[in-house]
Amino acid sequence: VLYLNTGVSRYFMRNFTRDITGFTSP
C-alpha cells in the first residue's frame, strides 16, 4: 500500500517537562 505521511504523528504523544527514561510504572 502506498501512504502519504501528513507529518502530525510527532504530535500524537504528549510532551513531558522532564526526562521520563527512569519511569518504570504507569
mmCIF file of all heavy atoms, coordinates in Angstrom:
data_MODEL
# 
_entry.id   MODEL 
# 
loop_
_atom_site.group_PDB 
_atom_site.id 
_atom_site.type_symbol 
_atom_site.label_atom_id 
_atom_site.label_alt_id 
_atom_site.label_comp_id 
_atom_site.label_asym_id 
_atom_site.label_entity_id 
_atom_site.label_seq_id 
_atom_site.pdbx_PDB_ins_code 
_atom_site.Cartn_x 
_atom_site.Cartn_y 
_atom_site.Cartn_z 
_atom_site.occupancy 
_atom_site.B_iso_or_equiv 
_atom_site.pdbx_formal_charge 
_atom_site.auth_seq_id 
_atom_site.auth_comp_id 
_atom_site.auth_asym_id 
_atom_site.auth_atom_id 
_atom_site.pdbx_PDB_model_num 
ATOM 1   N N   . VAL A 1 1  ? 0.868  -1.185 0.000  1.00 0.00 ? 1  VAL A N   1 
ATOM 2   C CA  . VAL A 1 1  ? 0.000  0.000  0.000  1.00 0.00 ? 1  VAL A CA  1 
ATOM 3   C C   . VAL A 1 1  ? 0.899  1.227  0.000  1.00 0.00 ? 1  VAL A C   1 
ATOM 4   O O   . VAL A 1 1  ? 1.934  1.238  0.678  1.00 0.00 ? 1  VAL A O   1 
ATOM 5   C CB  . VAL A 1 1  ? -0.924 0.024  1.244  1.00 0.00 ? 1  VAL A CB  1 
ATOM 6   C CG1 . VAL A 1 1  ? -1.884 1.210  1.172  1.00 0.00 ? 1  VAL A CG1 1 
ATOM 7   C CG2 . VAL A 1 1  ? -1.687 -1.282 1.395  1.00 0.00 ? 1  VAL A CG2 1 
ATOM 8   N N   . LEU A 1 2  ? 0.516  2.243  -0.741 1.00 0.00 ? 2  LEU A N   1 
ATOM 9   C CA  . LEU A 1 2  ? 1.281  3.487  -0.795 1.00 0.00 ? 2  LEU A CA  1 
ATOM 10  C C   . LEU A 1 2  ? 0.617  4.518  0.113  1.00 0.00 ? 2  LEU A C   1 
ATOM 11  O O   . LEU A 1 2  ? -0.571 4.819  -0.030 1.00 0.00 ? 2  LEU A O   1 
ATOM 12  C CB  . LEU A 1 2  ? 1.348  4.021  -2.232 1.00 0.00 ? 2  LEU A CB  1 
ATOM 13  C CG  . LEU A 1 2  ? 2.134  5.323  -2.449 1.00 0.00 ? 2  LEU A CG  1 
ATOM 14  C CD1 . LEU A 1 2  ? 3.597  5.141  -2.057 1.00 0.00 ? 2  LEU A CD1 1 
ATOM 15  C CD2 . LEU A 1 2  ? 2.016  5.777  -3.901 1.00 0.00 ? 2  LEU A CD2 1 
ATOM 16  N N   . TYR A 1 3  ? 1.394  5.046  1.066  1.00 0.00 ? 3  TYR A N   1 
ATOM 17  C CA  . TYR A 1 3  ? 0.871  6.012  2.036  1.00 0.00 ? 3  TYR A CA  1 
ATOM 18  C C   . TYR A 1 3  ? 1.547  7.370  1.885  1.00 0.00 ? 3  TYR A C   1 
ATOM 19  O O   . TYR A 1 3  ? 2.689  7.465  1.405  1.00 0.00 ? 3  TYR A O   1 
ATOM 20  C CB  . TYR A 1 3  ? 1.112  5.518  3.467  1.00 0.00 ? 3  TYR A CB  1 
ATOM 21  C CG  . TYR A 1 3  ? 0.279  4.348  3.885  1.00 0.00 ? 3  TYR A CG  1 
ATOM 22  C CD1 . TYR A 1 3  ? 0.815  3.068  3.880  1.00 0.00 ? 3  TYR A CD1 1 
ATOM 23  C CD2 . TYR A 1 3  ? -1.042 4.511  4.275  1.00 0.00 ? 3  TYR A CD2 1 
ATOM 24  C CE1 . TYR A 1 3  ? 0.058  1.977  4.272  1.00 0.00 ? 3  TYR A CE1 1 
ATOM 25  C CE2 . TYR A 1 3  ? -1.807 3.434  4.673  1.00 0.00 ? 3  TYR A CE2 1 
ATOM 26  C CZ  . TYR A 1 3  ? -1.252 2.168  4.660  1.00 0.00 ? 3  TYR A CZ  1 
ATOM 27  O OH  . TYR A 1 3  ? -2.009 1.096  5.042  1.00 0.00 ? 3  TYR A OH  1 
ATOM 28  N N   . LEU A 1 4  ? 0.840  8.389  2.363  1.00 0.00 ? 4  LEU A N   1 
ATOM 29  C CA  . LEU A 1 4  ? 1.394  9.733  2.475  1.00 0.00 ? 4  LEU A CA  1 
ATOM 30  C C   . LEU A 1 4  ? 1.438  10.096 3.947  1.00 0.00 ? 4  LEU A C   1 
ATOM 31  O O   . LEU A 1 4  ? 0.441  9.942  4.664  1.00 0.00 ? 4  LEU A O   1 
ATOM 32  C CB  . LEU A 1 4  ? 0.558  10.741 1.693  1.00 0.00 ? 4  LEU A CB  1 
ATOM 33  C CG  . LEU A 1 4  ? 1.087  12.192 1.681  1.00 0.00 ? 4  LEU A CG  1 
ATOM 34  C CD1 . LEU A 1 4  ? 0.854  12.829 0.317  1.00 0.00 ? 4  LEU A CD1 1 
ATOM 35  C CD2 . LEU A 1 4  ? 0.396  13.030 2.758  1.00 0.00 ? 4  LEU A CD2 1 
ATOM 36  N N   . ASN A 1 5  ? 2.580  10.575 4.409  1.00 0.00 ? 5  ASN A N   1 
ATOM 37  C CA  . ASN A 1 5  ? 2.756  10.983 5.798  1.00 0.00 ? 5  ASN A CA  1 
ATOM 38  C C   . ASN A 1 5  ? 2.361  12.449 5.953  1.00 0.00 ? 5  ASN A C   1 
ATOM 39  O O   . ASN A 1 5  ? 2.997  13.334 5.375  1.00 0.00 ? 5  ASN A O   1 
ATOM 40  C CB  . ASN A 1 5  ? 4.220  10.777 6.207  1.00 0.00 ? 5  ASN A CB  1 
ATOM 41  C CG  . ASN A 1 5  ? 4.525  11.329 7.592  1.00 0.00 ? 5  ASN A CG  1 
ATOM 42  O OD1 . ASN A 1 5  ? 3.667  11.300 8.475  1.00 0.00 ? 5  ASN A OD1 1 
ATOM 43  N ND2 . ASN A 1 5  ? 5.735  11.829 7.781  1.00 0.00 ? 5  ASN A ND2 1 
ATOM 44  N N   . THR A 1 6  ? 1.322  12.718 6.745  1.00 0.00 ? 6  THR A N   1 
ATOM 45  C CA  . THR A 1 6  ? 0.852  14.103 6.911  1.00 0.00 ? 6  THR A CA  1 
ATOM 46  C C   . THR A 1 6  ? 1.769  14.919 7.812  1.00 0.00 ? 6  THR A C   1 
ATOM 47  O O   . THR A 1 6  ? 1.672  16.149 7.842  1.00 0.00 ? 6  THR A O   1 
ATOM 48  C CB  . THR A 1 6  ? -0.572 14.126 7.504  1.00 0.00 ? 6  THR A CB  1 
ATOM 49  O OG1 . THR A 1 6  ? -0.548 13.545 8.810  1.00 0.00 ? 6  THR A OG1 1 
ATOM 50  C CG2 . THR A 1 6  ? -1.549 13.361 6.613  1.00 0.00 ? 6  THR A CG2 1 
ATOM 51  N N   . GLY A 1 7  ? 2.610  14.252 8.591  1.00 0.00 ? 7  GLY A N   1 
ATOM 52  C CA  . GLY A 1 7  ? 3.561  14.964 9.456  1.00 0.00 ? 7  GLY A CA  1 
ATOM 53  C C   . GLY A 1 7  ? 3.076  15.217 10.861 1.00 0.00 ? 7  GLY A C   1 
ATOM 54  O O   . GLY A 1 7  ? 3.808  15.792 11.678 1.00 0.00 ? 7  GLY A O   1 
ATOM 55  N N   . VAL A 1 8  ? 1.856  14.788 11.208 1.00 0.00 ? 8  VAL A N   1 
ATOM 56  C CA  . VAL A 1 8  ? 1.322  15.098 12.539 1.00 0.00 ? 8  VAL A CA  1 
ATOM 57  C C   . VAL A 1 8  ? 1.595  13.982 13.548 1.00 0.00 ? 8  VAL A C   1 
ATOM 58  O O   . VAL A 1 8  ? 1.258  14.125 14.726 1.00 0.00 ? 8  VAL A O   1 
ATOM 59  C CB  . VAL A 1 8  ? -0.195 15.390 12.487 1.00 0.00 ? 8  VAL A CB  1 
ATOM 60  C CG1 . VAL A 1 8  ? -0.479 16.565 11.569 1.00 0.00 ? 8  VAL A CG1 1 
ATOM 61  C CG2 . VAL A 1 8  ? -0.979 14.160 12.053 1.00 0.00 ? 8  VAL A CG2 1 
ATOM 62  N N   . SER A 1 9  ? 2.213  12.892 13.111 1.00 0.00 ? 9  SER A N   1 
ATOM 63  C CA  . SER A 1 9  ? 2.469  11.771 14.029 1.00 0.00 ? 9  SER A CA  1 
ATOM 64  C C   . SER A 1 9  ? 3.325  12.192 15.208 1.00 0.00 ? 9  SER A C   1 
ATOM 65  O O   . SER A 1 9  ? 3.166  11.687 16.323 1.00 0.00 ? 9  SER A O   1 
ATOM 66  C CB  . SER A 1 9  ? 3.141  10.624 13.276 1.00 0.00 ? 9  SER A CB  1 
ATOM 67  O OG  . SER A 1 9  ? 4.384  11.029 12.738 1.00 0.00 ? 9  SER A OG  1 
ATOM 68  N N   . ARG A 1 10 ? 4.230  13.140 14.987 1.00 0.00 ? 10 ARG A N   1 
ATOM 69  C CA  . ARG A 1 10 ? 5.129  13.565 16.065 1.00 0.00 ? 10 ARG A CA  1 
ATOM 70  C C   . ARG A 1 10 ? 4.398  14.335 17.164 1.00 0.00 ? 10 ARG A C   1 
ATOM 71  O O   . ARG A 1 10 ? 4.965  14.595 18.233 1.00 0.00 ? 10 ARG A O   1 
ATOM 72  C CB  . ARG A 1 10 ? 6.239  14.435 15.487 1.00 0.00 ? 10 ARG A CB  1 
ATOM 73  C CG  . ARG A 1 10 ? 5.787  15.761 14.903 1.00 0.00 ? 10 ARG A CG  1 
ATOM 74  C CD  . ARG A 1 10 ? 6.852  16.407 14.049 1.00 0.00 ? 10 ARG A CD  1 
ATOM 75  N NE  . ARG A 1 10 ? 7.141  15.609 12.848 1.00 0.00 ? 10 ARG A NE  1 
ATOM 76  C CZ  . ARG A 1 10 ? 8.023  15.971 11.921 1.00 0.00 ? 10 ARG A CZ  1 
ATOM 77  N NH1 . ARG A 1 10 ? 8.704  17.083 12.062 1.00 0.00 ? 10 ARG A NH1 1 
ATOM 78  N NH2 . ARG A 1 10 ? 8.219  15.201 10.875 1.00 0.00 ? 10 ARG A NH2 1 
ATOM 79  N N   . TYR A 1 11 ? 3.141  14.707 16.928 1.00 0.00 ? 11 TYR A N   1 
ATOM 80  C CA  . TYR A 1 11 ? 2.371  15.444 17.938 1.00 0.00 ? 11 TYR A CA  1 
ATOM 81  C C   . TYR A 1 11 ? 1.370  14.547 18.656 1.00 0.00 ? 11 TYR A C   1 
ATOM 82  O O   . TYR A 1 11 ? 0.602  15.023 19.493 1.00 0.00 ? 11 TYR A O   1 
ATOM 83  C CB  . TYR A 1 11 ? 1.630  16.611 17.284 1.00 0.00 ? 11 TYR A CB  1 
ATOM 84  C CG  . TYR A 1 11 ? 2.544  17.534 16.523 1.00 0.00 ? 11 TYR A CG  1 
ATOM 85  C CD1 . TYR A 1 11 ? 2.540  17.546 15.122 1.00 0.00 ? 11 TYR A CD1 1 
ATOM 86  C CD2 . TYR A 1 11 ? 3.440  18.373 17.179 1.00 0.00 ? 11 TYR A CD2 1 
ATOM 87  C CE1 . TYR A 1 11 ? 3.385  18.380 14.409 1.00 0.00 ? 11 TYR A CE1 1 
ATOM 88  C CE2 . TYR A 1 11 ? 4.299  19.200 16.470 1.00 0.00 ? 11 TYR A CE2 1 
ATOM 89  C CZ  . TYR A 1 11 ? 4.269  19.195 15.087 1.00 0.00 ? 11 TYR A CZ  1 
ATOM 90  O OH  . TYR A 1 11 ? 5.119  20.013 14.382 1.00 0.00 ? 11 TYR A OH  1 
ATOM 91  N N   . PHE A 1 12 ? 1.363  13.252 18.316 1.00 0.00 ? 12 PHE A N   1 
ATOM 92  C CA  . PHE A 1 12 ? 0.394  12.360 18.955 1.00 0.00 ? 12 PHE A CA  1 
ATOM 93  C C   . PHE A 1 12 ? 0.740  12.153 20.426 1.00 0.00 ? 12 PHE A C   1 
ATOM 94  O O   . PHE A 1 12 ? -0.109 12.279 21.306 1.00 0.00 ? 12 PHE A O   1 
ATOM 95  C CB  . PHE A 1 12 ? 0.353  11.008 18.233 1.00 0.00 ? 12 PHE A CB  1 
ATOM 96  C CG  . PHE A 1 12 ? -0.752 10.111 18.709 1.00 0.00 ? 12 PHE A CG  1 
ATOM 97  C CD1 . PHE A 1 12 ? -1.988 10.126 18.083 1.00 0.00 ? 12 PHE A CD1 1 
ATOM 98  C CD2 . PHE A 1 12 ? -0.564 9.272  19.803 1.00 0.00 ? 12 PHE A CD2 1 
ATOM 99  C CE1 . PHE A 1 12 ? -3.014 9.309  18.534 1.00 0.00 ? 12 PHE A CE1 1 
ATOM 100 C CE2 . PHE A 1 12 ? -1.585 8.455  20.263 1.00 0.00 ? 12 PHE A CE2 1 
ATOM 101 C CZ  . PHE A 1 12 ? -2.818 8.471  19.619 1.00 0.00 ? 12 PHE A CZ  1 
ATOM 102 N N   . MET A 1 13 ? 1.990  11.808 20.697 1.00 0.00 ? 13 MET A N   1 
ATOM 103 C CA  . MET A 1 13 ? 2.413  11.618 22.083 1.00 0.00 ? 13 MET A CA  1 
ATOM 104 C C   . MET A 1 13 ? 2.538  12.970 22.775 1.00 0.00 ? 13 MET A C   1 
ATOM 105 O O   . MET A 1 13 ? 2.887  13.968 22.155 1.00 0.00 ? 13 MET A O   1 
ATOM 106 C CB  . MET A 1 13 ? 3.760  10.896 22.131 1.00 0.00 ? 13 MET A CB  1 
ATOM 107 C CG  . MET A 1 13 ? 3.720  9.474  21.582 1.00 0.00 ? 13 MET A CG  1 
ATOM 108 S SD  . MET A 1 13 ? 2.714  8.406  22.613 1.00 0.00 ? 13 MET A SD  1 
ATOM 109 C CE  . MET A 1 13 ? 3.085  6.799  21.879 1.00 0.00 ? 13 MET A CE  1 
ATOM 110 N N   . ARG A 1 14 ? 2.245  13.014 24.052 1.00 0.00 ? 14 ARG A N   1 
ATOM 111 C CA  . ARG A 1 14 ? 2.321  14.259 24.796 1.00 0.00 ? 14 ARG A CA  1 
ATOM 112 C C   . ARG A 1 14 ? 3.771  14.634 25.061 1.00 0.00 ? 14 ARG A C   1 
ATOM 113 O O   . ARG A 1 14 ? 4.678  13.779 25.091 1.00 0.00 ? 14 ARG A O   1 
ATOM 114 C CB  . ARG A 1 14 ? 1.569  14.162 26.121 1.00 0.00 ? 14 ARG A CB  1 
ATOM 115 C CG  . ARG A 1 14 ? 2.086  13.087 27.048 1.00 0.00 ? 14 ARG A CG  1 
ATOM 116 C CD  . ARG A 1 14 ? 1.418  13.135 28.405 1.00 0.00 ? 14 ARG A CD  1 
ATOM 117 N NE  . ARG A 1 14 ? 1.779  14.333 29.139 1.00 0.00 ? 14 ARG A NE  1 
ATOM 118 C CZ  . ARG A 1 14 ? 1.585  14.482 30.451 1.00 0.00 ? 14 ARG A CZ  1 
ATOM 119 N NH1 . ARG A 1 14 ? 1.032  13.509 31.154 1.00 0.00 ? 14 ARG A NH1 1 
ATOM 120 N NH2 . ARG A 1 14 ? 1.940  15.577 31.054 1.00 0.00 ? 14 ARG A NH2 1 
ATOM 121 N N   . ASN A 1 15 ? 4.010  15.904 25.263 1.00 0.00 ? 15 ASN A N   1 
ATOM 122 C CA  . ASN A 1 15 ? 5.334  16.395 25.627 1.00 0.00 ? 15 ASN A CA  1 
ATOM 123 C C   . ASN A 1 15 ? 5.487  16.366 27.153 1.00 0.00 ? 15 ASN A C   1 
ATOM 124 O O   . ASN A 1 15 ? 4.568  16.732 27.884 1.00 0.00 ? 15 ASN A O   1 
ATOM 125 C CB  . ASN A 1 15 ? 5.535  17.821 25.124 1.00 0.00 ? 15 ASN A CB  1 
ATOM 126 C CG  . ASN A 1 15 ? 5.586  17.887 23.610 1.00 0.00 ? 15 ASN A CG  1 
ATOM 127 O OD1 . ASN A 1 15 ? 6.210  17.045 22.978 1.00 0.00 ? 15 ASN A OD1 1 
ATOM 128 N ND2 . ASN A 1 15 ? 4.929  18.879 23.028 1.00 0.00 ? 15 ASN A ND2 1 
ATOM 129 N N   . PHE A 1 16 ? 6.639  15.939 27.618 1.00 0.00 ? 16 PHE A N   1 
ATOM 130 C CA  . PHE A 1 16 ? 6.896  15.881 29.051 1.00 0.00 ? 16 PHE A CA  1 
ATOM 131 C C   . PHE A 1 16 ? 7.886  16.963 29.449 1.00 0.00 ? 16 PHE A C   1 
ATOM 132 O O   . PHE A 1 16 ? 8.763  17.350 28.670 1.00 0.00 ? 16 PHE A O   1 
ATOM 133 C CB  . PHE A 1 16 ? 7.438  14.503 29.438 1.00 0.00 ? 16 PHE A CB  1 
ATOM 134 C CG  . PHE A 1 16 ? 6.437  13.403 29.264 1.00 0.00 ? 16 PHE A CG  1 
ATOM 135 C CD1 . PHE A 1 16 ? 6.434  12.627 28.110 1.00 0.00 ? 16 PHE A CD1 1 
ATOM 136 C CD2 . PHE A 1 16 ? 5.487  13.159 30.229 1.00 0.00 ? 16 PHE A CD2 1 
ATOM 137 C CE1 . PHE A 1 16 ? 5.507  11.618 27.943 1.00 0.00 ? 16 PHE A CE1 1 
ATOM 138 C CE2 . PHE A 1 16 ? 4.555  12.157 30.076 1.00 0.00 ? 16 PHE A CE2 1 
ATOM 139 C CZ  . PHE A 1 16 ? 4.556  11.376 28.921 1.00 0.00 ? 16 PHE A CZ  1 
ATOM 140 N N   . THR A 1 17 ? 7.740  17.425 30.690 1.00 0.00 ? 17 THR A N   1 
ATOM 141 C CA  . THR A 1 17 ? 8.570  18.527 31.167 1.00 0.00 ? 17 THR A CA  1 
ATOM 142 C C   . THR A 1 17 ? 9.897  18.057 31.743 1.00 0.00 ? 17 THR A C   1 
ATOM 143 O O   . THR A 1 17 ? 10.727 18.871 32.128 1.00 0.00 ? 17 THR A O   1 
ATOM 144 C CB  . THR A 1 17 ? 7.809  19.324 32.245 1.00 0.00 ? 17 THR A CB  1 
ATOM 145 O OG1 . THR A 1 17 ? 7.428  18.436 33.308 1.00 0.00 ? 17 THR A OG1 1 
ATOM 146 C CG2 . THR A 1 17 ? 6.559  19.962 31.649 1.00 0.00 ? 17 THR A CG2 1 
ATOM 147 N N   . ARG A 1 18 ? 10.081 16.728 31.825 1.00 0.00 ? 18 ARG A N   1 
ATOM 148 C CA  . ARG A 1 18 ? 11.334 16.201 32.363 1.00 0.00 ? 18 ARG A CA  1 
ATOM 149 C C   . ARG A 1 18 ? 11.631 14.842 31.730 1.00 0.00 ? 18 ARG A C   1 
ATOM 150 O O   . ARG A 1 18 ? 10.795 14.269 31.025 1.00 0.00 ? 18 ARG A O   1 
ATOM 151 C CB  . ARG A 1 18 ? 11.270 16.069 33.876 1.00 0.00 ? 18 ARG A CB  1 
ATOM 152 C CG  . ARG A 1 18 ? 10.101 15.237 34.377 1.00 0.00 ? 18 ARG A CG  1 
ATOM 153 C CD  . ARG A 1 18 ? 10.156 15.009 35.857 1.00 0.00 ? 18 ARG A CD  1 
ATOM 154 N NE  . ARG A 1 18 ? 8.901  14.506 36.365 1.00 0.00 ? 18 ARG A NE  1 
ATOM 155 C CZ  . ARG A 1 18 ? 8.792  13.796 37.494 1.00 0.00 ? 18 ARG A CZ  1 
ATOM 156 N NH1 . ARG A 1 18 ? 9.875  13.519 38.202 1.00 0.00 ? 18 ARG A NH1 1 
ATOM 157 N NH2 . ARG A 1 18 ? 7.624  13.380 37.916 1.00 0.00 ? 18 ARG A NH2 1 
ATOM 158 N N   . ASP A 1 19 ? 12.802 14.333 32.004 1.00 0.00 ? 19 ASP A N   1 
ATOM 159 C CA  . ASP A 1 19 ? 13.241 13.058 31.459 1.00 0.00 ? 19 ASP A CA  1 
ATOM 160 C C   . ASP A 1 19 ? 12.418 11.917 32.069 1.00 0.00 ? 19 ASP A C   1 
ATOM 161 O O   . ASP A 1 19 ? 12.338 11.791 33.291 1.00 0.00 ? 19 ASP A O   1 
ATOM 162 C CB  . ASP A 1 19 ? 14.722 12.860 31.764 1.00 0.00 ? 19 ASP A CB  1 
ATOM 163 C CG  . ASP A 1 19 ? 15.289 11.598 31.132 1.00 0.00 ? 19 ASP A CG  1 
ATOM 164 O OD1 . ASP A 1 19 ? 14.560 10.940 30.373 1.00 0.00 ? 19 ASP A OD1 1 
ATOM 165 O OD2 . ASP A 1 19 ? 16.467 11.283 31.386 1.00 0.00 ? 19 ASP A OD2 1 
ATOM 166 N N   . ILE A 1 20 ? 11.816 11.089 31.221 1.00 0.00 ? 20 ILE A N   1 
ATOM 167 C CA  . ILE A 1 20 ? 10.963 10.009 31.723 1.00 0.00 ? 20 ILE A CA  1 
ATOM 168 C C   . ILE A 1 20 ? 11.621 8.646  31.558 1.00 0.00 ? 20 ILE A C   1 
ATOM 169 O O   . ILE A 1 20 ? 10.973 7.622  31.800 1.00 0.00 ? 20 ILE A O   1 
ATOM 170 C CB  . ILE A 1 20 ? 9.592  10.013 31.015 1.00 0.00 ? 20 ILE A CB  1 
ATOM 171 C CG1 . ILE A 1 20 ? 9.757  9.727  29.517 1.00 0.00 ? 20 ILE A CG1 1 
ATOM 172 C CG2 . ILE A 1 20 ? 8.857  11.322 31.253 1.00 0.00 ? 20 ILE A CG2 1 
ATOM 173 C CD1 . ILE A 1 20 ? 8.430  9.502  28.806 1.00 0.00 ? 20 ILE A CD1 1 
ATOM 174 N N   . THR A 1 21 ? 12.873 8.612  31.148 1.00 0.00 ? 21 THR A N   1 
ATOM 175 C CA  . THR A 1 21 ? 13.519 7.320  30.919 1.00 0.00 ? 21 THR A CA  1 
ATOM 176 C C   . THR A 1 21 ? 13.648 6.504  32.196 1.00 0.00 ? 21 THR A C   1 
ATOM 177 O O   . THR A 1 21 ? 13.794 5.279  32.143 1.00 0.00 ? 21 THR A O   1 
ATOM 178 C CB  . THR A 1 21 ? 14.922 7.520  30.302 1.00 0.00 ? 21 THR A CB  1 
ATOM 179 O OG1 . THR A 1 21 ? 15.693 8.401  31.130 1.00 0.00 ? 21 THR A OG1 1 
ATOM 180 C CG2 . THR A 1 21 ? 14.812 8.109  28.900 1.00 0.00 ? 21 THR A CG2 1 
ATOM 181 N N   . GLY A 1 22 ? 13.586 7.157  33.341 1.00 0.00 ? 22 GLY A N   1 
ATOM 182 C CA  . GLY A 1 22 ? 13.668 6.434  34.609 1.00 0.00 ? 22 GLY A CA  1 
ATOM 183 C C   . GLY A 1 22 ? 12.328 5.943  35.120 1.00 0.00 ? 22 GLY A C   1 
ATOM 184 O O   . GLY A 1 22 ? 12.267 5.253  36.147 1.00 0.00 ? 22 GLY A O   1 
ATOM 185 N N   . PHE A 1 23 ? 11.242 6.280  34.443 1.00 0.00 ? 23 PHE A N   1 
ATOM 186 C CA  . PHE A 1 23 ? 9.925  5.834  34.874 1.00 0.00 ? 23 PHE A CA  1 
ATOM 187 C C   . PHE A 1 23 ? 9.799  4.330  34.636 1.00 0.00 ? 23 PHE A C   1 
ATOM 188 O O   . PHE A 1 23 ? 10.174 3.819  33.584 1.00 0.00 ? 23 PHE A O   1 
ATOM 189 C CB  . PHE A 1 23 ? 8.825  6.561  34.106 1.00 0.00 ? 23 PHE A CB  1 
ATOM 190 C CG  . PHE A 1 23 ? 8.667  8.015  34.496 1.00 0.00 ? 23 PHE A CG  1 
ATOM 191 C CD1 . PHE A 1 23 ? 9.561  8.630  35.341 1.00 0.00 ? 23 PHE A CD1 1 
ATOM 192 C CD2 . PHE A 1 23 ? 7.610  8.762  33.999 1.00 0.00 ? 23 PHE A CD2 1 
ATOM 193 C CE1 . PHE A 1 23 ? 9.417  9.974  35.695 1.00 0.00 ? 23 PHE A CE1 1 
ATOM 194 C CE2 . PHE A 1 23 ? 7.454  10.093 34.338 1.00 0.00 ? 23 PHE A CE2 1 
ATOM 195 C CZ  . PHE A 1 23 ? 8.355  10.700 35.193 1.00 0.00 ? 23 PHE A CZ  1 
ATOM 196 N N   . THR A 1 24 ? 9.232  3.618  35.599 1.00 0.00 ? 24 THR A N   1 
ATOM 197 C CA  . THR A 1 24 ? 9.119  2.164  35.491 1.00 0.00 ? 24 THR A CA  1 
ATOM 198 C C   . THR A 1 24 ? 7.695  1.643  35.606 1.00 0.00 ? 24 THR A C   1 
ATOM 199 O O   . THR A 1 24 ? 7.451  0.456  35.422 1.00 0.00 ? 24 THR A O   1 
ATOM 200 C CB  . THR A 1 24 ? 9.971  1.493  36.577 1.00 0.00 ? 24 THR A CB  1 
ATOM 201 O OG1 . THR A 1 24 ? 9.531  1.937  37.874 1.00 0.00 ? 24 THR A OG1 1 
ATOM 202 C CG2 . THR A 1 24 ? 11.444 1.817  36.390 1.00 0.00 ? 24 THR A CG2 1 
ATOM 203 N N   . SER A 1 25 ? 6.727  2.520  35.907 1.00 0.00 ? 25 SER A N   1 
ATOM 204 C CA  . SER A 1 25 ? 5.338  2.086  36.049 1.00 0.00 ? 25 SER A CA  1 
ATOM 205 C C   . SER A 1 25 ? 4.402  3.219  35.647 1.00 0.00 ? 25 SER A C   1 
ATOM 206 O O   . SER A 1 25 ? 4.803  4.385  35.610 1.00 0.00 ? 25 SER A O   1 
ATOM 207 C CB  . SER A 1 25 ? 5.048  1.678  37.496 1.00 0.00 ? 25 SER A CB  1 
ATOM 208 O OG  . SER A 1 25 ? 5.043  2.819  38.347 1.00 0.00 ? 25 SER A OG  1 
ATOM 209 N N   . PRO A 1 26 ? 3.138  2.894  35.345 1.00 0.00 ? 26 PRO A N   1 
ATOM 210 C CA  . PRO A 1 26 ? 2.177  3.954  34.993 1.00 0.00 ? 26 PRO A CA  1 
ATOM 211 C C   . PRO A 1 26 ? 2.026  5.002  36.085 1.00 0.00 ? 26 PRO A C   1 
ATOM 212 O O   . PRO A 1 26 ? 1.770  6.173  35.802 1.00 0.00 ? 26 PRO A O   1 
ATOM 213 C CB  . PRO A 1 26 ? 0.870  3.172  34.788 1.00 0.00 ? 26 PRO A CB  1 
ATOM 214 C CG  . PRO A 1 26 ? 1.297  1.789  34.427 1.00 0.00 ? 26 PRO A CG  1 
ATOM 215 C CD  . PRO A 1 26 ? 2.555  1.547  35.210 1.00 0.00 ? 26 PRO A CD  1 
# 
